């Protein structure tokens, strides 16, 4: 099924919109999306185990840690501190949810944050 011109997205308008958004807001938005997705995959939502998938959660937590590590000098501590706190909470939740927990320093994102102890 092909798109008609009325149904196709207006990429020029989307580019103009994103051009107006400061980089720190884009970074924080991506980080919050990763945190939210990880929380769902860890079973931390109201629906609990319905969407729980630790393999997927590991990937999301690791990606979040890498993003925060890579952007630490680019975003202010005002933005970074709560994101780091959220990351640590997700890492602890992952450790608690795992039947066989990773060794300290080997869990998701710990390559970037250092060991997380539960």
Protein backbone atom coordinates (compact mmCIF):
# COMPACT_ATOMS: atom_id res chain seq x y z
CA UNK A 1 0.00 0.00 0.00
CA UNK A 2 1.61 3.28 -1.07
CA UNK A 3 1.26 6.53 0.79
CA UNK A 4 -0.60 9.39 -0.76
CA UNK A 5 0.90 12.87 -0.40
CA UNK A 6 -1.66 13.70 2.31
CA UNK A 7 -0.56 10.69 4.39
CA UNK A 8 3.22 11.07 4.05
CA UNK A 9 5.01 12.76 6.93
CA UNK A 10 6.24 16.30 6.46
CA UNK A 11 9.96 15.72 7.01
CA UNK A 12 10.82 19.37 6.40
CA UNK A 13 8.49 20.45 9.20
CA UNK A 14 9.84 17.75 11.51
CA UNK A 15 13.43 18.89 10.78
CA UNK A 16 12.47 22.50 11.57
CA UNK A 17 10.84 21.41 14.81
CA UNK A 18 13.84 19.35 15.97
CA UNK A 19 16.20 22.16 14.97
CA UNK A 20 14.61 24.31 17.66
CA UNK A 21 15.22 21.78 20.44
CA UNK A 22 18.45 22.17 22.44
CA UNK A 23 20.76 19.14 22.40
CA UNK A 24 20.47 18.65 26.15
CA UNK A 25 16.70 18.22 25.81
CA UNK A 26 17.15 15.61 23.08
CA UNK A 27 19.68 13.72 25.22
CA UNK A 28 17.48 13.84 28.32
CA UNK A 29 14.43 12.73 26.32
CA UNK A 30 16.29 9.76 24.89
CA UNK A 31 17.59 8.86 28.37
CA UNK A 32 14.10 9.02 29.88
CA UNK A 33 12.74 6.84 27.06
CA UNK A 34 15.49 4.27 27.71
CA UNK A 35 14.73 4.38 31.45
CA UNK A 36 11.01 3.91 30.87
CA UNK A 37 11.52 1.02 28.46
CA UNK A 38 13.97 -0.64 30.86
CA UNK A 39 11.51 -0.31 33.74
CA UNK A 40 8.83 -2.02 31.66
CA UNK A 41 11.20 -4.82 30.67
CA UNK A 42 12.22 -5.25 34.33
CA UNK A 43 8.57 -5.74 35.28
CA UNK A 44 8.44 -2.55 37.37
CA UNK A 45 5.11 -1.35 35.98
CA UNK A 46 1.59 -2.04 37.23
CA UNK A 47 1.33 -4.96 34.82
CA UNK A 48 4.49 -6.43 36.36
CA UNK A 49 5.67 -9.65 34.79
CA UNK A 50 3.47 -9.33 31.69
CA UNK A 51 6.24 -7.52 29.78
CA UNK A 52 9.23 -8.68 31.82
CA UNK A 53 12.22 -9.60 29.66
CA UNK A 54 15.60 -9.40 31.37
CA UNK A 55 17.56 -9.86 28.16
CA UNK A 56 15.89 -6.80 26.67
CA UNK A 57 16.22 -4.90 29.96
CA UNK A 58 19.97 -5.61 30.01
CA UNK A 59 20.36 -4.01 26.57
CA UNK A 60 18.36 -0.94 27.52
CA UNK A 61 20.18 -0.39 30.83
CA UNK A 62 23.53 -0.83 29.11
CA UNK A 63 22.55 1.68 26.39
CA UNK A 64 21.40 4.16 29.03
CA UNK A 65 24.68 3.84 30.92
CA UNK A 66 26.66 4.35 27.72
CA UNK A 67 24.62 7.42 26.79
CA UNK A 68 25.07 8.97 30.23
CA UNK A 69 28.79 8.19 30.23
CA UNK A 70 29.24 9.69 26.77
CA UNK A 71 27.29 12.85 27.57
CA UNK A 72 28.44 13.45 31.15
CA UNK A 73 30.46 16.52 30.17
CA UNK A 74 27.79 17.77 27.76
CA UNK A 75 24.81 18.01 30.10
CA UNK A 76 24.77 19.83 33.40
CA UNK A 77 24.71 18.05 36.75
CA UNK A 78 21.17 19.43 37.08
CA UNK A 79 20.16 17.01 34.32
CA UNK A 80 22.76 14.29 34.86
CA UNK A 81 22.27 13.65 38.60
CA UNK A 82 18.65 12.41 38.46
CA UNK A 83 19.44 10.35 35.36
CA UNK A 84 22.37 8.69 37.14
CA UNK A 85 20.13 8.00 40.16
CA UNK A 86 17.54 6.43 37.86
CA UNK A 87 20.22 4.34 36.17
CA UNK A 88 21.48 3.04 39.51
CA UNK A 89 17.92 2.15 40.55
CA UNK A 90 17.45 0.20 37.32
CA UNK A 91 20.77 -1.57 37.79
CA UNK A 92 19.75 -2.59 41.32
CA UNK A 93 16.33 -3.72 40.10
CA UNK A 94 18.03 -5.80 37.41
CA UNK A 95 20.31 -7.41 40.00
CA UNK A 96 17.31 -8.22 42.22
CA UNK A 97 15.27 -9.61 39.32
CA UNK A 98 18.04 -11.90 38.09
CA UNK A 99 17.86 -15.53 39.19
CA UNK A 100 21.64 -15.72 38.87
CA UNK A 101 22.97 -12.20 39.48
CA UNK A 102 26.00 -10.99 37.54
CA UNK A 103 29.26 -10.56 39.40
CA UNK A 104 29.76 -6.99 40.63
CA UNK A 105 31.09 -4.95 37.72
CA UNK A 106 29.63 -7.34 35.12
CA UNK A 107 25.97 -6.24 35.25
CA UNK A 108 24.30 -4.06 32.63
CA UNK A 109 26.01 -0.71 32.30
CA UNK A 110 28.53 -1.44 35.04
CA UNK A 111 31.27 -1.17 32.42
CA UNK A 112 30.51 2.56 32.54
CA UNK A 113 29.36 3.11 36.12
CA UNK A 114 31.47 0.67 38.09
CA UNK A 115 30.09 -2.14 40.27
CA UNK A 116 26.60 -1.86 41.70
CA UNK A 117 26.00 -3.76 44.91
CA UNK A 118 22.53 -4.87 45.94
